């Protein structure tokens, strides 16, 4: 039979071998852990440093310090988790190292339980950096429990980031843009994205000849135009070969208003219409001349008859005056002359024929009188 004392000694040895080392490992494991989301960065990238705390650590206060090369990295901000109550964390973001101090609420009488990610530092990689490496160093110290006792949880960790050359950014742009109709306003340039294009009313569609860097994809949304008198925006989209860059050029096509045939004829008189108008005016003028000439002749004859023959004067001035007066009256009274806007006319007609006629008539009357007188005397 096994001696109970020996059995207890063996069990104690087993516990000392297996259980005690485990306790020592647990005690040696750090309460704080750190990690970064990237190991290699290039200009323009962002990198985050996460601060975690192991479950079961009732830490009432601590201090965190993060140092970095500010010629390569720039602090973009610090984000605490929801576990960190407002007013319990203070961070000096303008210093290097960045310093954050946490002190829990003392009015509750206990330290809140923290676990998982409690704090995140965000950094931006500056431009123009050389290839190589850079370091981010994080340190936690001055850890204490609610009673102010040092918890001896100081931890230091350094992260090395690989700096890579900035990848060449592919661009999307046009090198030439030529419309099938009209001229672009302003003239095409790769950095100008809005244009105006005026075309006639008869143009119903516009195509474009384009060119772009190798690998770029060019798409045009339409070619046909809206109705005459309207504006049609045409979008020309350029995408880079990797699809990350895109540019959009807009050409607003202004189609002229369509003019009706009747309106065009009235707006732009033809040669036939002008000739017809001239012919009409000439006819009116000719009719006015004839009417004026006839009136002037009648007036002249009336003037001659009313002039005594004994005076021996032709009275040409009276004829002219009568003709002018008659012509003036005819001008004012004749609608044809008024319509044709004919200038005043002066007509001088020869009065020799009416004078001779009167003289012959007088001689004839005298001869007849003489003959009648001789005939009556012979009867007696």
Protein backbone atom coordinates (compact mmCIF):
# COMPACT_ATOMS: atom_id res chain seq x y z
CA UNK A 1 0.00 0.00 0.00
CA UNK A 2 1.28 3.44 -1.03
CA UNK A 3 2.24 5.71 1.77
CA UNK A 4 -0.07 8.78 1.77
CA UNK A 5 2.86 11.06 2.59
CA UNK A 6 4.76 9.86 -0.45
CA UNK A 7 1.66 10.34 -2.62
CA UNK A 8 1.26 13.96 -1.48
CA UNK A 9 4.91 14.65 -2.22
CA UNK A 10 4.59 13.28 -5.76
CA UNK A 11 1.48 15.36 -6.43
CA UNK A 12 3.20 18.48 -5.12
CA UNK A 13 6.12 17.83 -7.47
CA UNK A 14 3.78 17.46 -10.43
CA UNK A 15 2.06 20.75 -9.58
CA UNK A 16 5.41 22.47 -9.24
CA UNK A 17 6.49 21.24 -12.66
CA UNK A 18 3.34 22.04 -14.69
CA UNK A 19 1.27 24.65 -12.89
CA UNK A 20 3.86 27.10 -11.54
CA UNK A 21 5.53 27.74 -14.93
CA UNK A 22 2.15 28.51 -16.40
CA UNK A 23 1.51 31.12 -13.75
CA UNK A 24 4.88 32.66 -14.43
CA UNK A 25 4.10 32.88 -18.18
CA UNK A 26 0.79 34.60 -17.48
CA UNK A 27 2.46 37.09 -15.23
CA UNK A 28 5.14 37.79 -17.84
CA UNK A 29 2.69 38.42 -20.75
CA UNK A 30 2.32 42.16 -21.46
CA UNK A 31 -1.02 43.86 -20.81
CA UNK A 32 -0.53 46.27 -23.75
CA UNK A 33 -0.05 45.26 -27.40
CA UNK A 34 0.61 47.36 -30.51
CA UNK A 35 0.20 46.83 -34.25
CA UNK A 36 0.25 48.73 -37.56
CA UNK A 37 -2.07 48.17 -40.52
CA UNK A 38 0.77 48.43 -43.09
CA UNK A 39 4.38 47.40 -43.36
CA UNK A 40 5.18 49.17 -46.65
CA UNK A 41 4.03 52.65 -47.58
CA UNK A 42 4.56 55.26 -50.29
CA UNK A 43 3.90 58.98 -50.56
CA UNK A 44 0.27 59.88 -49.92
CA UNK A 45 -0.55 56.67 -48.03
CA UNK A 46 -1.97 56.56 -44.51
CA UNK A 47 -0.81 54.21 -41.78
CA UNK A 48 -2.50 53.50 -38.45
CA UNK A 49 -0.94 52.47 -35.13
CA UNK A 50 -3.37 50.54 -32.91
CA UNK A 51 -3.01 50.31 -29.11
CA UNK A 52 -4.64 47.27 -27.52
CA UNK A 53 -5.04 46.13 -23.93
CA UNK A 54 -5.47 42.55 -22.81
CA UNK A 55 -8.77 41.49 -21.19
CA UNK A 56 -8.87 41.56 -17.40
CA UNK A 57 -6.44 44.46 -16.97
CA UNK A 58 -8.18 46.98 -14.72
CA UNK A 59 -5.83 49.80 -15.53
CA UNK A 60 -6.87 53.08 -13.91
CA UNK A 61 -4.14 55.23 -15.50
CA UNK A 62 -1.28 55.13 -17.99
CA UNK A 63 0.85 57.28 -20.31
CA UNK A 64 1.47 56.61 -23.99
CA UNK A 65 4.25 58.17 -26.06
CA UNK A 66 4.64 57.76 -29.81
CA UNK A 67 7.72 59.06 -31.63
CA UNK A 68 8.30 59.17 -35.41
CA UNK A 69 10.33 60.84 -38.14
CA UNK A 70 8.36 63.99 -38.94
CA UNK A 71 10.22 64.45 -42.24
CA UNK A 72 8.50 61.30 -43.46
CA UNK A 73 5.30 61.04 -41.42
CA UNK A 74 2.73 63.55 -40.23
CA UNK A 75 0.20 62.88 -37.47
CA UNK A 76 -3.32 63.12 -38.91
CA UNK A 77 -5.25 62.48 -35.66
CA UNK A 78 -5.92 60.26 -32.66
CA UNK A 79 -9.13 58.22 -32.29
CA UNK A 80 -10.09 56.76 -28.86
CA UNK A 81 -12.52 53.87 -28.65
CA UNK A 82 -15.93 54.06 -27.00
CA UNK A 83 -14.44 52.46 -23.87
CA UNK A 84 -12.50 55.63 -23.14
CA UNK A 85 -15.00 57.88 -21.40
CA UNK A 86 -15.04 61.56 -22.31
CA UNK A 87 -12.62 63.67 -20.32
CA UNK A 88 -10.43 60.76 -19.26
CA UNK A 89 -7.86 61.02 -22.10
CA UNK A 90 -5.71 64.03 -22.99
CA UNK A 91 -3.41 64.05 -26.04
CA UNK A 92 -0.80 66.59 -27.12
CA UNK A 93 -0.89 66.15 -30.91
CA UNK A 94 1.57 68.92 -31.79
CA UNK A 95 4.54 67.40 -29.98
CA UNK A 96 6.94 64.68 -31.09
CA UNK A 97 6.71 62.25 -29.39
CA UNK A 98 2.94 62.52 -29.19
CA UNK A 99 1.90 62.12 -25.56
CA UNK A 100 -1.44 60.72 -24.37
CA UNK A 101 -2.38 60.46 -20.66
CA UNK A 102 -5.31 58.40 -19.39
CA UNK A 103 -6.86 58.70 -15.92
CA UNK A 104 -10.18 56.94 -15.18
CA UNK A 105 -13.13 58.60 -13.42
CA UNK A 106 -12.31 58.66 -9.72
CA UNK A 107 -15.90 59.43 -8.65
CA UNK A 108 -17.06 55.89 -9.49
CA UNK A 109 -14.77 54.21 -6.95
CA UNK A 110 -13.33 51.65 -9.39
CA UNK A 111 -11.36 51.41 -12.60
CA UNK A 112 -13.42 50.54 -15.71
CA UNK A 113 -12.55 47.32 -17.52
CA UNK A 114 -10.67 47.94 -20.77
CA UNK A 115 -10.06 45.39 -23.54
CA UNK A 116 -9.25 45.27 -27.23
CA UNK A 117 -8.25 48.36 -29.22
CA UNK A 118 -8.53 51.42 -27.03
CA UNK A 119 -6.61 53.99 -29.09
CA UNK A 120 -5.53 54.53 -32.73
CA UNK A 121 -2.92 56.96 -34.07
CA UNK A 122 -3.26 57.96 -37.75
CA UNK A 123 -0.25 59.06 -39.84
CA UNK A 124 0.08 60.39 -43.39
CA UNK A 125 3.16 59.66 -45.50
CA UNK A 126 4.58 62.91 -46.88
CA UNK A 127 5.46 63.39 -50.54
CA UNK A 128 8.96 63.43 -51.96
CA UNK A 129 10.26 60.78 -49.58
CA UNK A 130 13.26 58.67 -50.55
CA UNK A 131 13.10 54.90 -50.65
CA UNK A 132 14.27 53.14 -47.50
CA UNK A 133 12.75 52.65 -44.05
CA UNK A 134 11.33 54.70 -41.21
CA UNK A 135 10.43 53.84 -37.62
CA UNK A 136 7.47 54.40 -35.32
CA UNK A 137 8.27 53.87 -31.64
CA UNK A 138 5.50 53.49 -29.03
CA UNK A 139 5.98 53.27 -25.28
CA UNK A 140 3.51 52.84 -22.39
CA UNK A 141 4.52 53.55 -18.79
CA UNK A 142 3.21 54.93 -15.49
CA UNK A 143 0.51 52.27 -15.37
CA UNK A 144 -1.41 52.13 -12.09
CA UNK A 145 -4.54 50.65 -10.56
CA UNK A 146 -7.39 52.57 -8.98
CA UNK A 147 -5.51 52.89 -5.71
CA UNK A 148 -2.52 54.45 -7.49
CA UNK A 149 -0.29 51.37 -7.17
CA UNK A 150 2.22 50.82 -9.97
CA UNK A 151 1.08 47.85 -12.03
CA UNK A 152 4.52 47.43 -13.66
CA UNK A 153 3.04 47.09 -17.18
CA UNK A 154 5.60 49.24 -19.00
CA UNK A 155 5.94 48.18 -22.65
CA UNK A 156 8.11 49.42 -25.54
CA UNK A 157 7.71 48.52 -29.21
CA UNK A 158 9.31 49.77 -32.43
CA UNK A 159 7.82 49.30 -35.89
CA UNK A 160 9.79 49.61 -39.13
CA UNK A 161 8.00 50.77 -42.26
CA UNK A 162 9.39 50.19 -45.75
CA UNK A 163 9.27 53.32 -47.90
CA UNK A 164 8.49 52.63 -51.55
CA UNK A 165 8.79 54.90 -54.56
CA UNK A 166 5.55 56.63 -55.45
CA UNK A 167 3.88 54.74 -58.28
CA UNK A 168 3.37 56.77 -61.43
CA UNK A 169 -0.15 58.09 -61.55
CA UNK A 170 -1.82 57.35 -64.84
CA UNK A 171 -3.70 60.26 -66.36
CA UNK A 172 -6.77 60.49 -68.56
CA UNK A 173 -6.96 63.37 -71.04
CA UNK A 174 -7.40 64.20 -74.71
CA UNK A 175 -4.57 65.37 -76.90
CA UNK A 176 -6.83 66.53 -79.74
CA UNK A 177 -10.52 67.18 -80.34
CA UNK A 178 -11.82 68.20 -83.79
CA UNK A 179 -15.56 68.51 -84.63
CA UNK A 180 -16.96 67.58 -88.04
CA UNK A 181 -18.85 70.91 -88.17
CA UNK A 182 -17.95 74.39 -86.94
CA UNK A 183 -15.07 75.48 -84.70
CA UNK A 184 -14.63 74.97 -80.96
CA UNK A 185 -14.71 78.04 -78.74
CA UNK A 186 -12.27 78.39 -77.07
CA UNK A 187 -9.63 76.54 -79.06
CA UNK A 188 -8.94 73.04 -77.76
CA UNK A 189 -6.46 72.52 -74.91
CA UNK A 190 -6.08 69.38 -72.79
CA UNK A 191 -6.75 71.27 -69.55
CA UNK A 192 -9.92 73.03 -70.82
CA UNK A 193 -13.02 70.88 -70.30
CA UNK A 194 -15.93 73.12 -71.46
CA UNK A 195 -16.46 74.23 -75.08
CA UNK A 196 -19.10 75.90 -77.27
CA UNK A 197 -19.80 74.89 -80.87
CA UNK A 198 -22.14 76.87 -83.17
CA UNK A 199 -23.58 75.11 -86.25
CA UNK A 200 -26.22 75.91 -88.86
CA UNK A 201 -29.88 74.91 -88.61
CA UNK A 202 -29.40 72.28 -91.33
CA UNK A 203 -26.82 70.33 -89.25
CA UNK A 204 -28.52 67.41 -87.50
CA UNK A 205 -25.46 65.54 -86.14
CA UNK A 206 -21.87 66.28 -85.17
CA UNK A 207 -19.01 63.77 -84.92
CA UNK A 208 -15.60 64.28 -83.34
CA UNK A 209 -12.10 63.15 -84.15
CA UNK A 210 -10.28 62.49 -80.87
CA UNK A 211 -6.85 61.35 -79.76
CA UNK A 212 -5.61 60.36 -76.29
CA UNK A 213 -2.56 58.71 -74.68
CA UNK A 214 -2.03 55.03 -75.38
CA UNK A 215 -4.35 52.80 -73.38
CA UNK A 216 -6.94 55.50 -72.66
CA UNK A 217 -10.56 54.75 -73.45
CA UNK A 218 -12.63 57.55 -75.09
CA UNK A 219 -16.43 57.44 -75.11
CA UNK A 220 -18.88 59.98 -76.63
CA UNK A 221 -22.45 59.90 -75.33
CA UNK A 222 -24.22 61.13 -78.50
CA UNK A 223 -23.86 62.50 -82.02
CA UNK A 224 -27.36 63.63 -83.00
CA UNK A 225 -28.54 67.15 -82.11
CA UNK A 226 -31.75 68.50 -80.69
CA UNK A 227 -34.13 70.58 -82.81
CA UNK A 228 -33.01 73.78 -84.57
CA UNK A 229 -32.71 76.71 -82.18
CA UNK A 230 -31.74 74.50 -79.20
CA UNK A 231 -28.53 73.52 -77.38
CA UNK A 232 -27.20 69.95 -77.18
CA UNK A 233 -24.55 69.02 -74.55
CA UNK A 234 -22.20 66.28 -75.75
CA UNK A 235 -20.05 64.50 -73.13
CA UNK A 236 -16.67 63.05 -74.09
CA UNK A 237 -15.36 60.77 -71.30
CA UNK A 238 -11.72 59.69 -71.13
CA UNK A 239 -10.57 56.88 -68.80
CA UNK A 240 -7.01 55.79 -68.07
CA UNK A 241 -5.82 52.28 -68.81
CA UNK A 242 -6.11 51.21 -65.16
CA UNK A 243 -9.54 52.85 -64.82
CA UNK A 244 -8.50 54.97 -61.82
CA UNK A 245 -8.35 58.32 -63.61
CA UNK A 246 -11.18 59.91 -65.57
CA UNK A 247 -11.79 63.22 -67.34
CA UNK A 248 -14.98 64.55 -68.90
CA UNK A 249 -15.03 67.14 -71.71
CA UNK A 250 -18.33 68.91 -72.43
CA UNK A 251 -19.12 70.42 -75.84
CA UNK A 252 -22.35 72.44 -75.95
CA UNK A 253 -23.56 72.50 -79.57
CA UNK A 254 -25.77 75.50 -80.38
CA UNK A 255 -27.90 74.77 -83.45
CA UNK A 256 -29.15 77.89 -85.27
CA UNK A 257 -32.84 78.76 -85.52
CA UNK A 258 -34.53 77.62 -88.72
CA UNK A 259 -35.87 80.59 -90.78
CA UNK A 260 -39.20 80.19 -92.63
CA UNK A 261 -39.19 80.76 -96.43
CA UNK A 262 -41.69 83.63 -96.28
CA UNK A 263 -39.74 85.36 -93.53
CA UNK A 264 -36.52 84.86 -95.46
CA UNK A 265 -38.03 86.39 -98.60
CA UNK A 266 -39.29 89.43 -96.75
CA UNK A 267 -36.04 89.82 -94.88
CA UNK A 268 -33.86 89.45 -98.00
CA UNK A 269 -35.58 90.93 -101.14
CA UNK A 270 -34.63 89.28 -104.41
CA UNK A 271 -33.52 90.98 -107.60
CA UNK A 272 -36.85 90.18 -109.30
CA UNK A 273 -38.81 91.84 -106.54
CA UNK A 274 -36.57 94.89 -106.69
CA UNK A 275 -36.97 95.04 -110.48
CA UNK A 276 -40.76 94.72 -110.16
CA UNK A 277 -40.82 97.56 -107.67
CA UNK A 278 -38.71 99.71 -110.00
CA UNK A 279 -40.93 98.89 -112.96
CA UNK A 280 -44.02 99.78 -110.97
CA UNK A 281 -42.49 103.09 -109.96
CA UNK A 282 -41.50 103.82 -113.54
CA UNK A 283 -45.02 103.12 -114.78
CA UNK A 284 -46.48 105.38 -112.11
CA UNK A 285 -44.01 108.07 -113.07
CA UNK A 286 -44.87 107.73 -116.79
CA UNK A 287 -48.59 107.95 -116.04
CA UNK A 288 -48.00 111.02 -113.93
CA UNK A 289 -46.00 112.62 -116.72
CA UNK A 290 -48.74 112.01 -119.26
CA UNK A 291 -51.40 113.33 -116.93
CA UNK A 292 -49.31 116.38 -116.13
CA UNK A 293 -48.50 117.02 -119.82
CA UNK A 294 -52.15 116.87 -120.80
CA UNK A 295 -53.16 119.24 -118.06
CA UNK A 296 -50.34 121.62 -118.92
CA UNK A 297 -51.40 121.69 -122.61
CA UNK A 298 -54.99 122.48 -121.74
CA UNK A 299 -53.91 125.22 -119.43
CA UNK A 300 -51.62 126.67 -122.08
CA UNK A 301 -54.37 126.76 -124.68
CA UNK A 302 -56.77 128.40 -122.30
CA UNK A 303 -54.19 131.03 -121.52
CA UNK A 304 -53.62 131.81 -125.21
CA UNK A 305 -57.34 132.20 -125.90
CA UNK A 306 -57.79 134.59 -123.03
CA UNK A 307 -54.89 136.80 -124.16
CA UNK A 308 -55.93 139.77 -126.40
CA UNK A 309 -54.60 139.42 -129.95
CA UNK A 310 -53.95 143.18 -130.21
CA UNK A 311 -51.13 142.94 -127.73
CA UNK A 312 -49.02 141.00 -130.23
CA UNK A 313 -47.34 138.94 -127.46
CA UNK A 314 -47.16 135.18 -127.27
CA UNK A 315 -47.38 135.33 -123.49
CA UNK A 316 -45.00 132.39 -123.15
CA UNK A 317 -44.31 133.26 -119.51
CA UNK A 318 -47.96 132.92 -118.70
CA UNK A 319 -48.02 129.54 -120.41
CA UNK A 320 -45.05 128.36 -118.40
CA UNK A 321 -46.55 129.64 -115.16
CA UNK A 322 -49.85 127.97 -115.92
CA UNK A 323 -48.12 124.73 -116.80
CA UNK A 324 -46.07 124.76 -113.61
CA UNK A 325 -49.11 125.53 -111.50
CA UNK A 326 -51.07 122.76 -113.16
CA UNK A 327 -48.17 120.33 -112.78
CA UNK A 328 -47.84 121.19 -109.09
CA UNK A 329 -51.58 120.68 -108.57
CA UNK A 330 -51.40 117.43 -110.50
CA UNK A 331 -48.48 116.31 -108.32
CA UNK A 332 -50.41 116.97 -105.14
CA UNK A 333 -53.65 115.46 -106.42
CA UNK A 334 -52.35 112.48 -108.39
CA UNK A 335 -52.05 109.29 -106.24
CA UNK A 336 -49.69 107.76 -108.77
CA UNK A 337 -47.20 110.63 -108.39
CA UNK A 338 -47.51 110.58 -104.64
CA UNK A 339 -46.85 106.83 -104.56
CA UNK A 340 -43.87 107.04 -106.87
CA UNK A 341 -42.47 110.11 -105.05
CA UNK A 342 -41.70 111.84 -108.38
CA UNK A 343 -39.92 115.18 -108.03
CA UNK A 344 -41.73 118.36 -109.31
CA UNK A 345 -41.83 118.66 -113.12
CA UNK A 346 -41.57 121.81 -115.27
CA UNK A 347 -43.07 121.39 -118.76
CA UNK A 348 -42.59 124.12 -121.40
CA UNK A 349 -44.69 123.49 -124.56
CA UNK A 350 -44.43 125.42 -127.85
CA UNK A 351 -47.47 127.72 -128.32
CA UNK A 352 -46.92 128.37 -132.08
CA UNK A 353 -49.51 125.90 -133.34
CA UNK A 354 -52.44 127.15 -131.20
CA UNK A 355 -51.59 130.78 -132.21
CA UNK A 356 -51.62 130.05 -135.95
CA UNK A 357 -54.88 128.18 -135.58
CA UNK A 358 -56.47 131.20 -133.93
CA UNK A 359 -55.16 133.55 -136.59
CA UNK A 360 -56.46 131.39 -139.41
CA UNK A 361 -59.82 131.13 -137.70
CA UNK A 362 -59.94 134.93 -137.40
CA UNK A 363 -59.01 135.43 -141.09
CA UNK A 364 -61.62 132.88 -142.07
CA UNK A 365 -64.24 134.70 -140.06
CA UNK A 366 -63.30 138.01 -141.74
CA UNK A 367 -63.45 136.49 -145.22
CA UNK A 368 -66.84 134.95 -144.49
CA UNK A 369 -68.01 138.28 -143.15
CA UNK A 370 -66.87 140.09 -146.28
CA UNK A 371 -68.52 137.54 -148.55
CA UNK A 372 -71.79 137.72 -146.63
CA UNK A 373 -71.70 141.51 -146.78
CA UNK A 374 -71.21 141.49 -150.59
CA UNK A 375 -73.98 138.96 -151.03
CA UNK A 376 -76.52 141.01 -149.01
CA UNK A 377 -75.66 144.16 -151.03
CA UNK A 378 -76.18 142.37 -154.31
CA UNK A 379 -79.66 141.30 -153.23
CA UNK A 380 -80.73 144.81 -152.55
